[in-house]
Amino acid sequence: MKRLIAFAAVAILAGGFAAAQVPVQEPSEAPPAASVDPAATAPVDPTSETLGFTSDATRRMTVSVDIDGQGPYPFIVDTGAERTVVSRELAEALSLPSLGDVTLATVANVRRVPSVQIDSMRVGRRTLNDIRAPALEQANMGAMGMLGVDSLRSQRVDFDFERQELTLSHSHIDDDDWPRDTIVITGRTRLGRLILTDATVDGQRVRVIIDTGSQQTVGNMELRRRLQSRGRLGDVGVMELIGVTGDRVLAEYAVTRRLRLGGLHVNDMPIAFADFHLFEHLGLDRRPAILLGMDALRLFGRVSIDFANRRVRLLPIESRIDGLPARFASAPLIRTGRR
């Protein structure tokens, strides 16, 4: 069996990495920016603000940004990327200065791509200055750009999927508004990314990277090998992964019985298996690990990623009931409970 699906690629920069996911087909136009009434969303605390977001064709989250005082432009929020990426078309339209080529490791190979200088990028009231961003084809990215964690490291980012809202706040602000049955998982950070260790796939302990820039949840080949050696790997299919430069590579995938995140269980979760440079770069190529993509994150009502305090909060939709809402009948089943 063969499916065509988009996935993340990794850009090797002077200071680190940037990851971006691409859609299967080129959109006719960039996703529209979310329309939000500033008066309705203005926060009481000046250090916190709520923004609306829209979804692209692959259900990734898109927020509005201003570049060098111009915009707004829709950028995909990518918590798996250390650096921000901009489309070549937008860079040319804004006459962004060229900074020369950087090395880009895609899903298939390594190549050189151009980069540009962004003096300032504004997201809501927050401004990120002096960005060196790879400039890639918009058709391959599926957006005008990707917003990486270089603008989020001191922040807590809350995604409310039912309200279509993204809230940015400083990590010291309390989270008293979360229900008592919210699952809280503490992890560690490496190269700007938050890695969770309290997780298993079919009983095998795994490291988890929350990756909102990836459409598909992907495990490394070490996870596949260990599941197979223990007789826990089911039927294996084949899918095609597409990198941000248009490169394509075949990967295997299987439906796992249970993914556990803290005290929360996700049953029948599809996972693709492939070795990518990101796993090696994070020191996870020899340890079972997964990139938790939007296919899994969309099963929750709310997700909070606190980079500074290395903490993730997960609230399943209607988390107090055992069953799944009818509109998610075909999705993997989420249950909460003891480990």
C-alpha atoms as a PDB file:
ATOM      1  CA  MET A   1       0.000   0.000   0.000  1.00  0.00           C
ATOM      2  CA  LYS A   2       1.278   3.456  -0.831  1.00  0.00           C
ATOM      3  CA  ARG A   3       0.072   6.823   0.412  1.00  0.00           C
ATOM      4  CA  LEU A   4       1.336  10.273  -0.389  1.00  0.00           C
ATOM      5  CA  ILE A   5       1.763  12.452   2.682  1.00  0.00           C
ATOM      6  CA  ALA A   6       3.644  15.547   3.751  1.00  0.00           C
ATOM      7  CA  PHE A   7       6.294  15.588   6.431  1.00  0.00           C
ATOM      8  CA  ALA A   8       8.991  17.662   8.095  1.00  0.00           C
ATOM      9  CA  ALA A   9      12.487  18.269   6.814  1.00  0.00           C
ATOM     10  CA  VAL A  10      15.399  19.709   8.767  1.00  0.00           C
ATOM     11  CA  ALA A  11      17.465  22.775   7.878  1.00  0.00           C
ATOM     12  CA  ILE A  12      20.996  22.932   9.272  1.00  0.00           C
ATOM     13  CA  LEU A  13      21.789  26.573  10.002  1.00  0.00           C
ATOM     14  CA  ALA A  14      24.740  28.383  11.483  1.00  0.00           C
ATOM     15  CA  GLY A  15      23.019  28.317  14.868  1.00  0.00           C
ATOM     16  CA  GLY A  16      20.830  25.252  14.668  1.00  0.00           C
ATOM     17  CA  PHE A  17      17.906  23.746  12.821  1.00  0.00           C
ATOM     18  CA  ALA A  18      14.578  24.691  11.289  1.00  0.00           C
ATOM     19  CA  ALA A  19      11.879  22.166  10.497  1.00  0.00           C
ATOM     20  CA  ALA A  20       8.952  22.586   8.133  1.00  0.00           C
ATOM     21  CA  GLN A  21       6.169  20.370   6.878  1.00  0.00           C
ATOM     22  CA  VAL A  22       4.790  20.512   3.345  1.00  0.00           C
ATOM     23  CA  PRO A  23       1.399  19.623   1.859  1.00  0.00           C
ATOM     24  CA  VAL A  24       0.816  16.939  -0.753  1.00  0.00           C
ATOM     25  CA  GLN A  25      -0.594  19.381  -3.284  1.00  0.00           C
ATOM     26  CA  GLU A  26       0.197  22.998  -3.940  1.00  0.00           C
ATOM     27  CA  PRO A  27      -2.625  25.185  -2.596  1.00  0.00           C
ATOM     28  CA  SER A  28      -4.228  27.637  -4.957  1.00  0.00           C
ATOM     29  CA  GLU A  29      -3.505  30.372  -2.466  1.00  0.00           C
ATOM     30  CA  ALA A  30      -2.064  30.754   1.024  1.00  0.00           C
ATOM     31  CA  PRO A  31      -4.454  30.040   3.931  1.00  0.00           C
ATOM     32  CA  PRO A  32      -6.337  33.138   5.035  1.00  0.00           C
ATOM     33  CA  ALA A  33      -5.246  34.839   8.225  1.00  0.00           C
ATOM     34  CA  ALA A  34      -7.575  34.397  11.183  1.00  0.00           C
ATOM     35  CA  SER A  35      -9.967  37.280  11.717  1.00  0.00           C
ATOM     36  CA  VAL A  36      -9.978  38.202  15.391  1.00  0.00           C
ATOM     37  CA  ASP A  37     -11.640  41.127  17.113  1.00  0.00           C
ATOM     38  CA  PRO A  38      -8.825  42.779  19.137  1.00  0.00           C
ATOM     39  CA  ALA A  39     -11.296  44.105  21.691  1.00  0.00           C
ATOM     40  CA  ALA A  40     -12.706  40.630  22.278  1.00  0.00           C
ATOM     41  CA  THR A  41      -9.321  38.985  22.667  1.00  0.00           C
ATOM     42  CA  ALA A  42      -7.311  41.667  24.450  1.00  0.00           C
ATOM     43  CA  PRO A  43      -5.938  40.056  27.633  1.00  0.00           C
ATOM     44  CA  VAL A  44      -6.173  41.552  31.081  1.00  0.00           C
ATOM     45  CA  ASP A  45      -2.538  40.666  31.770  1.00  0.00           C
ATOM     46  CA  PRO A  46      -0.268  42.643  29.401  1.00  0.00           C
ATOM     47  CA  THR A  47       2.160  39.697  29.295  1.00  0.00           C
ATOM     48  CA  SER A  48      -0.506  37.372  27.856  1.00  0.00           C
ATOM     49  CA  GLU A  49      -2.538  37.603  24.665  1.00  0.00           C
ATOM     50  CA  THR A  50      -4.870  35.371  22.696  1.00  0.00           C
ATOM     51  CA  LEU A  51      -4.674  35.133  18.917  1.00  0.00           C
ATOM     52  CA  GLY A  52      -6.985  33.400  16.489  1.00  0.00           C
ATOM     53  CA  PHE A  53      -5.582  30.761  14.179  1.00  0.00           C
ATOM     54  CA  THR A  54      -6.777  29.045  11.041  1.00  0.00           C
ATOM     55  CA  SER A  55      -5.867  25.622   9.619  1.00  0.00           C
ATOM     56  CA  ASP A  56      -4.194  24.829   6.326  1.00  0.00           C
ATOM     57  CA  ALA A  57      -5.074  21.924   4.018  1.00  0.00           C
ATOM     58  CA  THR A  58      -3.141  19.513   6.270  1.00  0.00           C
ATOM     59  CA  ARG A  59      -4.790  20.882   9.469  1.00  0.00           C
ATOM     60  CA  ARG A  60      -1.678  22.643  10.687  1.00  0.00           C
ATOM     61  CA  MET A  61      -2.168  25.878  12.634  1.00  0.00           C
ATOM     62  CA  THR A  62      -1.628  29.217  10.880  1.00  0.00           C
ATOM     63  CA  VAL A  63      -1.255  32.607  12.588  1.00  0.00           C
ATOM     64  CA  SER A  64      -0.763  36.111  11.205  1.00  0.00           C
ATOM     65  CA  VAL A  65       2.670  37.748  11.352  1.00  0.00           C
ATOM     66  CA  ASP A  66       4.107  41.086  10.217  1.00  0.00           C
ATOM     67  CA  ILE A  67       7.570  41.225   8.634  1.00  0.00           C
ATOM     68  CA  ASP A  68       9.551  44.468   8.749  1.00  0.00           C
ATOM     69  CA  GLY A  69       6.335  46.391   9.319  1.00  0.00           C
ATOM     70  CA  GLN A  70       4.408  44.771   6.453  1.00  0.00           C
ATOM     71  CA  GLY A  71       1.668  42.158   6.514  1.00  0.00           C
ATOM     72  CA  PRO A  72      -0.120  40.332   7.917  1.00  0.00           C
ATOM     73  CA  TYR A  73       1.067  37.036   6.379  1.00  0.00           C
ATOM     74  CA  PRO A  74      -0.078  33.527   7.377  1.00  0.00           C
ATOM     75  CA  PHE A  75       2.713  31.452   8.966  1.00  0.00           C
ATOM     76  CA  ILE A  76       2.382  27.858  10.202  1.00  0.00           C
ATOM     77  CA  VAL A  77       3.180  27.434  13.918  1.00  0.00           C
ATOM     78  CA  ASP A  78       5.931  24.797  14.115  1.00  0.00           C
ATOM     79  CA  THR A  79       7.011  23.759  17.628  1.00  0.00           C
ATOM     80  CA  GLY A  80       9.342  21.157  16.122  1.00  0.00           C
ATOM     81  CA  ALA A  81      11.442  23.807  14.378  1.00  0.00           C
ATOM     82  CA  GLU A  82      14.239  25.697  16.054  1.00  0.00           C
ATOM     83  CA  ARG A  83      14.293  28.450  13.411  1.00  0.00           C
ATOM     84  CA  THR A  84      11.750  30.387  11.385  1.00  0.00           C
ATOM     85  CA  VAL A  85      11.449  29.742   7.618  1.00  0.00           C
ATOM     86  CA  VAL A  86      10.100  32.120   4.957  1.00  0.00           C
ATOM     87  CA  SER A  87       8.898  31.421   1.424  1.00  0.00           C
ATOM     88  CA  ARG A  88      11.124  32.524  -1.462  1.00  0.00           C
ATOM     89  CA  GLU A  89       8.180  34.326  -3.050  1.00  0.00           C
ATOM     90  CA  LEU A  90       7.515  36.421   0.058  1.00  0.00           C
ATOM     91  CA  ALA A  91      11.228  37.159   0.510  1.00  0.00           C
ATOM     92  CA  GLU A  92      11.388  38.484  -3.054  1.00  0.00           C
ATOM     93  CA  ALA A  93       8.185  40.526  -2.677  1.00  0.00           C
ATOM     94  CA  LEU A  94       9.581  42.189   0.471  1.00  0.00           C
ATOM     95  CA  SER A  95      13.103  42.538  -0.992  1.00  0.00           C
ATOM     96  CA  LEU A  96      14.621  40.816   2.036  1.00  0.00           C
ATOM     97  CA  PRO A  97      18.453  40.968   1.929  1.00  0.00           C
ATOM     98  CA  SER A  98      20.220  37.753   0.942  1.00  0.00           C
ATOM     99  CA  LEU A  99      22.567  36.162   3.494  1.00  0.00           C
ATOM    100  CA  GLY A 100      23.923  33.438   1.240  1.00  0.00           C
ATOM    101  CA  ASP A 101      23.254  29.716   1.226  1.00  0.00           C
ATOM    102  CA  VAL A 102      22.770  27.392   4.198  1.00  0.00           C
ATOM    103  CA  THR A 103      22.879  23.594   4.273  1.00  0.00           C
ATOM    104  CA  LEU A 104      19.493  21.870   4.272  1.00  0.00           C
ATOM    105  CA  ALA A 105      19.051  18.212   5.182  1.00  0.00           C
ATOM    106  CA  THR A 106      15.761  17.017   3.679  1.00  0.00           C
ATOM    107  CA  VAL A 107      13.981  13.699   4.017  1.00  0.00           C
ATOM    108  CA  ALA A 108      16.045  12.395   1.092  1.00  0.00           C
ATOM    109  CA  ASN A 109      19.385  14.230   0.961  1.00  0.00           C
ATOM    110  CA  VAL A 110      21.417  17.309   1.894  1.00  0.00           C
ATOM    111  CA  ARG A 111      21.529  20.425  -0.265  1.00  0.00           C
ATOM    112  CA  ARG A 112      22.280  24.128  -0.177  1.00  0.00           C
ATOM    113  CA  VAL A 113      19.412  26.640  -0.116  1.00  0.00           C
ATOM    114  CA  PRO A 114      19.322  30.446   0.067  1.00  0.00           C
ATOM    115  CA  SER A 115      18.689  32.355   3.285  1.00  0.00           C
ATOM    116  CA  VAL A 116      17.507  35.922   3.932  1.00  0.00           C
ATOM    117  CA  GLN A 117      17.633  38.573   6.648  1.00  0.00           C
ATOM    118  CA  ILE A 118      14.435  39.494   8.533  1.00  0.00           C
ATOM    119  CA  ASP A 119      15.030  42.551  10.715  1.00  0.00           C
ATOM    120  CA  SER A 120      11.801  42.161  12.691  1.00  0.00           C
ATOM    121  CA  MET A 121       8.894  39.733  12.803  1.00  0.00           C
ATOM    122  CA  ARG A 122       5.836  40.605  14.849  1.00  0.00           C
ATOM    123  CA  VAL A 123       3.346  38.035  16.211  1.00  0.00           C
ATOM    124  CA  GLY A 124       0.596  39.804  18.089  1.00  0.00           C
ATOM    125  CA  ARG A 125       2.451  42.214  20.391  1.00  0.00           C
ATOM    126  CA  ARG A 126       5.645  40.152  20.416  1.00  0.00           C
ATOM    127  CA  THR A 127       8.554  41.013  18.145  1.00  0.00           C
ATOM    128  CA  LEU A 128      11.449  38.780  17.123  1.00  0.00           C
ATOM    129  CA  ASN A 129      14.478  40.623  15.742  1.00  0.00           C
ATOM    130  CA  ASP A 130      17.424  39.779  13.506  1.00  0.00           C
ATOM    131  CA  ILE A 131      16.309  36.461  11.979  1.00  0.00           C
ATOM    132  CA  ARG A 132      18.347  34.483   9.451  1.00  0.00           C
ATOM    133  CA  ALA A 133      15.716  32.415   7.679  1.00  0.00           C
ATOM    134  CA  PRO A 134      15.984  29.821   4.888  1.00  0.00           C
ATOM    135  CA  ALA A 135      13.961  30.900   1.839  1.00  0.00           C
ATOM    136  CA  LEU A 136      12.100  27.935   0.330  1.00  0.00           C
ATOM    137  CA  GLU A 137       9.488  27.440  -2.366  1.00  0.00           C
ATOM    138  CA  GLN A 138       5.996  28.277  -1.120  1.00  0.00           C
ATOM    139  CA  ALA A 139       4.504  25.398  -3.110  1.00  0.00           C
ATOM    140  CA  ASN A 140       6.644  22.932  -1.139  1.00  0.00           C
ATOM    141  CA  MET A 141       6.034  24.523   2.265  1.00  0.00           C
ATOM    142  CA  GLY A 142       2.327  25.105   1.738  1.00  0.00           C
ATOM    143  CA  ALA A 143       2.490  28.505   3.442  1.00  0.00           C
ATOM    144  CA  MET A 144       4.241  31.865   3.329  1.00  0.00           C
ATOM    145  CA  GLY A 145       6.426  30.742   6.209  1.00  0.00           C
ATOM    146  CA  MET A 146       6.896  28.617   9.308  1.00  0.00           C
ATOM    147  CA  LEU A 147       7.122  30.132  12.797  1.00  0.00           C
ATOM    148  CA  GLY A 148       9.752  28.246  14.830  1.00  0.00           C
ATOM    149  CA  VAL A 149      10.505  28.029  18.534  1.00  0.00           C
ATOM    150  CA  ASP A 150      13.135  30.789  18.339  1.00  0.00           C
ATOM    151  CA  SER A 151      10.243  33.139  19.167  1.00  0.00           C
ATOM    152  CA  LEU A 152       8.669  30.877  21.808  1.00  0.00           C
ATOM    153  CA  ARG A 153      11.462  29.675  24.119  1.00  0.00           C
ATOM    154  CA  SER A 154      10.564  31.944  27.047  1.00  0.00           C
ATOM    155  CA  GLN A 155       6.836  31.521  26.454  1.00  0.00           C
ATOM    156  CA  ARG A 156       3.983  29.209  27.240  1.00  0.00           C
ATOM    157  CA  VAL A 157       1.920  28.454  24.136  1.00  0.00           C
ATOM    158  CA  ASP A 158      -1.668  27.279  24.645  1.00  0.00           C
ATOM    159  CA  PHE A 159      -3.604  25.791  21.715  1.00  0.00           C
ATOM    160  CA  ASP A 160      -7.390  25.657  22.087  1.00  0.00           C
ATOM    161  CA  PHE A 161      -8.505  23.625  19.080  1.00  0.00           C
ATOM    162  CA  GLU A 162     -12.228  23.931  19.707  1.00  0.00           C
ATOM    163  CA  ARG A 163     -12.119  27.720  20.013  1.00  0.00           C
ATOM    164  CA  GLN A 164      -9.444  28.064  17.307  1.00  0.00           C
ATOM    165  CA  GLU A 165      -7.320  30.191  19.638  1.00  0.00           C
ATOM    166  CA  LEU A 166      -3.618  30.399  20.415  1.00  0.00           C
ATOM    167  CA  THR A 167      -2.545  32.113  23.637  1.00  0.00           C
ATOM    168  CA  LEU A 168       1.000  33.351  24.249  1.00  0.00           C
ATOM    169  CA  SER A 169       2.061  34.145  27.806  1.00  0.00           C
ATOM    170  CA  HIS A 170       5.146  34.229  29.970  1.00  0.00           C
ATOM    171  CA  SER A 171       5.895  30.962  31.732  1.00  0.00           C
ATOM    172  CA  HIS A 172       5.510  32.426  35.232  1.00  0.00           C
ATOM    173  CA  ILE A 173       1.758  33.038  34.740  1.00  0.00           C
ATOM    174  CA  ASP A 174      -0.419  30.506  36.616  1.00  0.00           C
ATOM    175  CA  ASP A 175      -2.532  27.895  34.811  1.00  0.00           C
ATOM    176  CA  ASP A 176      -5.473  27.884  37.238  1.00  0.00           C
ATOM    177  CA  ASP A 177      -8.092  27.710  34.471  1.00  0.00           C
ATOM    178  CA  TRP A 178      -7.224  24.122  33.438  1.00  0.00           C
ATOM    179  CA  PRO A 179      -9.568  21.319  34.653  1.00  0.00           C
ATOM    180  CA  ARG A 180      -8.342  19.058  37.442  1.00  0.00           C
ATOM    181  CA  ASP A 181      -8.191  16.013  35.150  1.00  0.00           C
ATOM    182  CA  THR A 182      -5.711  17.658  32.792  1.00  0.00           C
ATOM    183  CA  ILE A 183      -2.679  15.470  32.077  1.00  0.00           C
ATOM    184  CA  VAL A 184       0.590  17.263  32.975  1.00  0.00           C
ATOM    185  CA  ILE A 185       3.910  15.892  31.692  1.00  0.00           C
ATOM    186  CA  THR A 186       7.338  17.324  32.491  1.00  0.00           C
ATOM    187  CA  GLY A 187      10.207  16.826  30.072  1.00  0.00           C
ATOM    188  CA  ARG A 188      13.573  18.299  29.183  1.00  0.00           C
ATOM    189  CA  THR A 189      14.797  20.653  26.491  1.00  0.00           C
ATOM    190  CA  ARG A 190      17.483  20.034  23.911  1.00  0.00           C
ATOM    191  CA  LEU A 191      18.451  22.486  21.171  1.00  0.00           C
ATOM    192  CA  GLY A 192      15.270  24.473  21.760  1.00  0.00           C
ATOM    193  CA  ARG A 193      12.899  21.523  21.568  1.00  0.00           C
ATOM    194  CA  LEU A 194      10.861  20.071  24.420  1.00  0.00           C
ATOM    195  CA  ILE A 195      11.347  16.310  24.795  1.00  0.00           C
ATOM    196  CA  LEU A 196       8.932  14.252  26.919  1.00  0.00           C
ATOM    197  CA  THR A 197      10.167  11.015  28.496  1.00  0.00           C
ATOM    198  CA  ASP A 198       7.052   9.785  30.346  1.00  0.00           C
ATOM    199  CA  ALA A 199       5.587   7.986  27.324  1.00  0.00           C
ATOM    200  CA  THR A 200       5.353   4.523  25.782  1.00  0.00           C
ATOM    201  CA  VAL A 201       4.278   2.960  22.476  1.00  0.00           C
ATOM    202  CA  ASP A 202       2.847  -0.539  23.004  1.00  0.00           C
ATOM    203  CA  GLY A 203       4.826  -0.819  26.232  1.00  0.00           C
ATOM    204  CA  GLN A 204       8.097   0.452  24.736  1.00  0.00           C
ATOM    205  CA  ARG A 205       9.384   3.617  26.416  1.00  0.00           C
ATOM    206  CA  VAL A 206       9.855   6.456  23.924  1.00  0.00           C
ATOM    207  CA  ARG A 207      10.998  10.065  23.826  1.00  0.00           C
ATOM    208  CA  VAL A 208       8.351  12.403  22.407  1.00  0.00           C
ATOM    209  CA  ILE A 209       8.867  15.700  20.570  1.00  0.00           C
ATOM    210  CA  ILE A 210       5.700  17.818  20.210  1.00  0.00           C
ATOM    211  CA  ASP A 211       5.750  18.881  16.556  1.00  0.00           C
ATOM    212  CA  THR A 212       2.889  21.121  15.422  1.00  0.00           C
ATOM    213  CA  GLY A 213       4.585  21.559  12.042  1.00  0.00           C
ATOM    214  CA  SER A 214       4.167  17.890  11.149  1.00  0.00           C
ATOM    215  CA  GLN A 215       0.956  16.483   9.743  1.00  0.00           C
ATOM    216  CA  GLN A 216       1.916  12.899  10.585  1.00  0.00           C
ATOM    217  CA  THR A 217       3.268  11.287  13.764  1.00  0.00           C
ATOM    218  CA  VAL A 218       6.598   9.648  12.919  1.00  0.00           C
ATOM    219  CA  GLY A 219       8.822   7.263  14.869  1.00  0.00           C
ATOM    220  CA  ASN A 220      12.469   6.513  14.273  1.00  0.00           C
ATOM    221  CA  MET A 221      13.715   3.159  13.026  1.00  0.00           C
ATOM    222  CA  GLU A 222      15.011   2.224  16.477  1.00  0.00           C
ATOM    223  CA  LEU A 223      11.422   2.244  17.722  1.00  0.00           C
ATOM    224  CA  ARG A 224      10.374   0.093  14.794  1.00  0.00           C
ATOM    225  CA  ARG A 225      13.162  -2.418  15.465  1.00  0.00           C
ATOM    226  CA  ARG A 226      12.272  -2.775  19.148  1.00  0.00           C
ATOM    227  CA  LEU A 227       8.547  -3.157  18.479  1.00  0.00           C
ATOM    228  CA  GLN A 228       9.280  -5.841  15.895  1.00  0.00           C
ATOM    229  CA  SER A 229      11.720  -7.728  18.138  1.00  0.00           C
ATOM    230  CA  ARG A 230       9.041  -7.923  20.835  1.00  0.00           C
ATOM    231  CA  GLY A 231       6.324  -9.030  18.442  1.00  0.00           C
ATOM    232  CA  ARG A 232       4.421  -5.768  18.874  1.00  0.00           C
ATOM    233  CA  LEU A 233       4.604  -4.460  15.323  1.00  0.00           C
ATOM    234  CA  GLY A 234       1.425  -5.068  13.350  1.00  0.00           C
ATOM    235  CA  ASP A 235       0.859  -5.027   9.607  1.00  0.00           C
ATOM    236  CA  VAL A 236       3.277  -2.661   7.887  1.00  0.00           C
ATOM    237  CA  GLY A 237       2.396  -0.469   4.920  1.00  0.00           C
ATOM    238  CA  VAL A 238       4.298   2.074   2.853  1.00  0.00           C
ATOM    239  CA  MET A 239       3.802   5.821   2.537  1.00  0.00           C
ATOM    240  CA  GLU A 240       5.675   8.531   0.678  1.00  0.00           C
ATOM    241  CA  LEU A 241       7.129  11.472   2.589  1.00  0.00           C
ATOM    242  CA  ILE A 242       7.784  14.815   0.896  1.00  0.00           C
ATOM    243  CA  GLY A 243      10.436  17.263   2.056  1.00  0.00           C
ATOM    244  CA  VAL A 244      10.382  21.051   1.932  1.00  0.00           C
ATOM    245  CA  THR A 245      12.529  21.025  -1.226  1.00  0.00           C
ATOM    246  CA  GLY A 246      10.186  18.583  -2.967  1.00  0.00           C
ATOM    247  CA  ASP A 247      12.324  15.496  -2.265  1.00  0.00           C
ATOM    248  CA  ARG A 248      10.386  12.268  -1.763  1.00  0.00           C
ATOM    249  CA  VAL A 249      11.245   9.124   0.178  1.00  0.00           C
ATOM    250  CA  LEU A 250       9.325   5.971   1.043  1.00  0.00           C
ATOM    251  CA  ALA A 251       8.656   5.180   4.713  1.00  0.00           C
ATOM    252  CA  GLU A 252       6.901   2.372   6.528  1.00  0.00           C
ATOM    253  CA  TYR A 253       3.866   2.824   8.739  1.00  0.00           C
ATOM    254  CA  ALA A 254       1.783   0.724  11.120  1.00  0.00           C
ATOM    255  CA  VAL A 255      -1.149   1.199  13.473  1.00  0.00           C
ATOM    256  CA  THR A 256       0.062   0.879  17.057  1.00  0.00           C
ATOM    257  CA  ARG A 257      -2.224  -0.482  19.737  1.00  0.00           C
ATOM    258  CA  ARG A 258      -1.599   2.123  22.422  1.00  0.00           C
ATOM    259  CA  LEU A 259       0.354   5.345  22.771  1.00  0.00           C
ATOM    260  CA  ARG A 260       0.671   6.447  26.400  1.00  0.00           C
ATOM    261  CA  LEU A 261       1.462  10.052  27.334  1.00  0.00           C
ATOM    262  CA  GLY A 262       1.691  10.348  31.111  1.00  0.00           C
ATOM    263  CA  GLY A 263      -1.641   9.021  32.391  1.00  0.00           C
ATOM    264  CA  LEU A 264      -3.392   9.343  29.027  1.00  0.00           C
ATOM    265  CA  HIS A 265      -3.822   6.593  26.437  1.00  0.00           C
ATOM    266  CA  VAL A 266      -4.399   6.911  22.682  1.00  0.00           C
ATOM    267  CA  ASN A 267      -5.543   3.658  21.083  1.00  0.00           C
ATOM    268  CA  ASP A 268      -4.999   2.633  17.441  1.00  0.00           C
ATOM    269  CA  MET A 269      -2.528   5.409  16.629  1.00  0.00           C
ATOM    270  CA  PRO A 270      -0.937   5.278  13.127  1.00  0.00           C
ATOM    271  CA  ILE A 271       2.834   5.921  13.190  1.00  0.00           C
ATOM    272  CA  ALA A 272       5.169   6.210  10.215  1.00  0.00           C
ATOM    273  CA  PHE A 273       8.740   4.940  10.645  1.00  0.00           C
ATOM    274  CA  ALA A 274      11.763   6.619   9.086  1.00  0.00           C
ATOM    275  CA  ASP A 275      15.248   7.807  10.062  1.00  0.00           C
ATOM    276  CA  PHE A 276      15.617  11.577   9.819  1.00  0.00           C
ATOM    277  CA  HIS A 277      18.507  13.834  10.658  1.00  0.00           C
ATOM    278  CA  LEU A 278      16.509  15.489  13.440  1.00  0.00           C
ATOM    279  CA  PHE A 279      16.565  12.287  15.518  1.00  0.00           C
ATOM    280  CA  GLU A 280      20.341  12.029  15.134  1.00  0.00           C
ATOM    281  CA  HIS A 281      20.870  15.717  15.842  1.00  0.00           C
ATOM    282  CA  LEU A 282      18.922  15.440  19.110  1.00  0.00           C
ATOM    283  CA  GLY A 283      20.822  12.293  20.108  1.00  0.00           C
ATOM    284  CA  LEU A 284      17.719  10.146  19.665  1.00  0.00           C
ATOM    285  CA  ASP A 285      18.703   7.991  16.681  1.00  0.00           C
ATOM    286  CA  ARG A 286      19.669   5.075  18.969  1.00  0.00           C
ATOM    287  CA  ARG A 287      16.771   5.539  21.381  1.00  0.00           C
ATOM    288  CA  PRO A 288      13.100   4.953  20.518  1.00  0.00           C
ATOM    289  CA  ALA A 289      11.539   8.337  19.730  1.00  0.00           C
ATOM    290  CA  ILE A 290       8.582   9.890  17.938  1.00  0.00           C
ATOM    291  CA  LEU A 291       7.597  13.260  16.550  1.00  0.00           C
ATOM    292  CA  LEU A 292       4.027  13.767  17.778  1.00  0.00           C
ATOM    293  CA  GLY A 293       2.270  15.427  14.843  1.00  0.00           C
ATOM    294  CA  MET A 294      -1.020  17.190  14.285  1.00  0.00           C
ATOM    295  CA  ASP A 295      -2.852  13.923  13.612  1.00  0.00           C
ATOM    296  CA  ALA A 296      -2.439  13.145  17.318  1.00  0.00           C
ATOM    297  CA  LEU A 297      -2.580  16.674  18.760  1.00  0.00           C
ATOM    298  CA  ARG A 298      -5.916  17.388  17.061  1.00  0.00           C
ATOM    299  CA  LEU A 299      -7.499  14.706  19.252  1.00  0.00           C
ATOM    300  CA  PHE A 300      -7.191  17.013  22.255  1.00  0.00           C
ATOM    301  CA  GLY A 301      -9.386  19.946  23.155  1.00  0.00           C
ATOM    302  CA  ARG A 302      -6.424  21.938  24.475  1.00  0.00           C
ATOM    303  CA  VAL A 303      -2.649  21.561  24.426  1.00  0.00           C
ATOM    304  CA  SER A 304      -0.201  23.745  26.381  1.00  0.00           C
ATOM    305  CA  ILE A 305       3.555  23.775  25.741  1.00  0.00           C
ATOM    306  CA  ASP A 306       5.605  25.605  28.371  1.00  0.00           C
ATOM    307  CA  PHE A 307       9.140  25.786  26.990  1.00  0.00           C
ATOM    308  CA  ALA A 308      10.747  27.568  29.949  1.00  0.00           C
ATOM    309  CA  ASN A 309       9.324  25.195  32.587  1.00  0.00           C
ATOM    310  CA  ARG A 310       9.628  22.121  30.330  1.00  0.00           C
ATOM    311  CA  ARG A 311       5.976  21.194  30.836  1.00  0.00           C
ATOM    312  CA  VAL A 312       3.137  20.023  28.576  1.00  0.00           C
ATOM    313  CA  ARG A 313      -0.561  19.979  29.460  1.00  0.00           C
ATOM    314  CA  LEU A 314      -3.031  17.823  27.529  1.00  0.00           C
ATOM    315  CA  LEU A 315      -6.819  17.983  27.841  1.00  0.00           C
ATOM    316  CA  PRO A 316      -8.758  15.432  25.748  1.00  0.00           C
ATOM    317  CA  ILE A 317     -12.086  16.480  24.273  1.00  0.00           C
ATOM    318  CA  GLU A 318     -14.808  15.694  26.818  1.00  0.00           C
ATOM    319  CA  SER A 319     -12.125  14.054  28.919  1.00  0.00           C
ATOM    320  CA  ARG A 320     -14.503  12.964  31.718  1.00  0.00           C
ATOM    321  CA  ILE A 321     -16.267  10.334  29.583  1.00  0.00           C
ATOM    322  CA  ASP A 322     -14.939   6.984  28.405  1.00  0.00           C
ATOM    323  CA  GLY A 323     -16.292   7.152  24.870  1.00  0.00           C
ATOM    324  CA  LEU A 324     -15.336   9.449  22.043  1.00  0.00           C
ATOM    325  CA  PRO A 325     -17.601  12.217  20.697  1.00  0.00           C
ATOM    326  CA  ALA A 326     -19.511  11.117  17.587  1.00  0.00           C
ATOM    327  CA  ARG A 327     -17.699  13.582  15.335  1.00  0.00           C
ATOM    328  CA  PHE A 328     -14.422  11.782  16.141  1.00  0.00           C
ATOM    329  CA  ALA A 329     -15.766   8.258  15.701  1.00  0.00           C
ATOM    330  CA  SER A 330     -13.207   7.437  12.985  1.00  0.00           C
ATOM    331  CA  ALA A 331     -10.240   8.901  14.877  1.00  0.00           C
ATOM    332  CA  PRO A 332      -7.965   7.072  17.334  1.00  0.00           C
ATOM    333  CA  LEU A 333      -9.628   6.587  20.707  1.00  0.00           C
ATOM    334  CA  ILE A 334      -8.347   8.594  23.680  1.00  0.00           C
ATOM    335  CA  ARG A 335      -8.832   7.405  27.236  1.00  0.00           C
ATOM    336  CA  THR A 336      -7.486   8.792  30.493  1.00  0.00           C
ATOM    337  CA  GLY A 337      -6.556   6.663  33.451  1.00  0.00           C
ATOM    338  CA  ARG A 338      -3.767   5.244  35.527  1.00  0.00           C
ATOM    339  CA  ARG A 339      -0.595   4.087  33.849  1.00  0.00           C
END
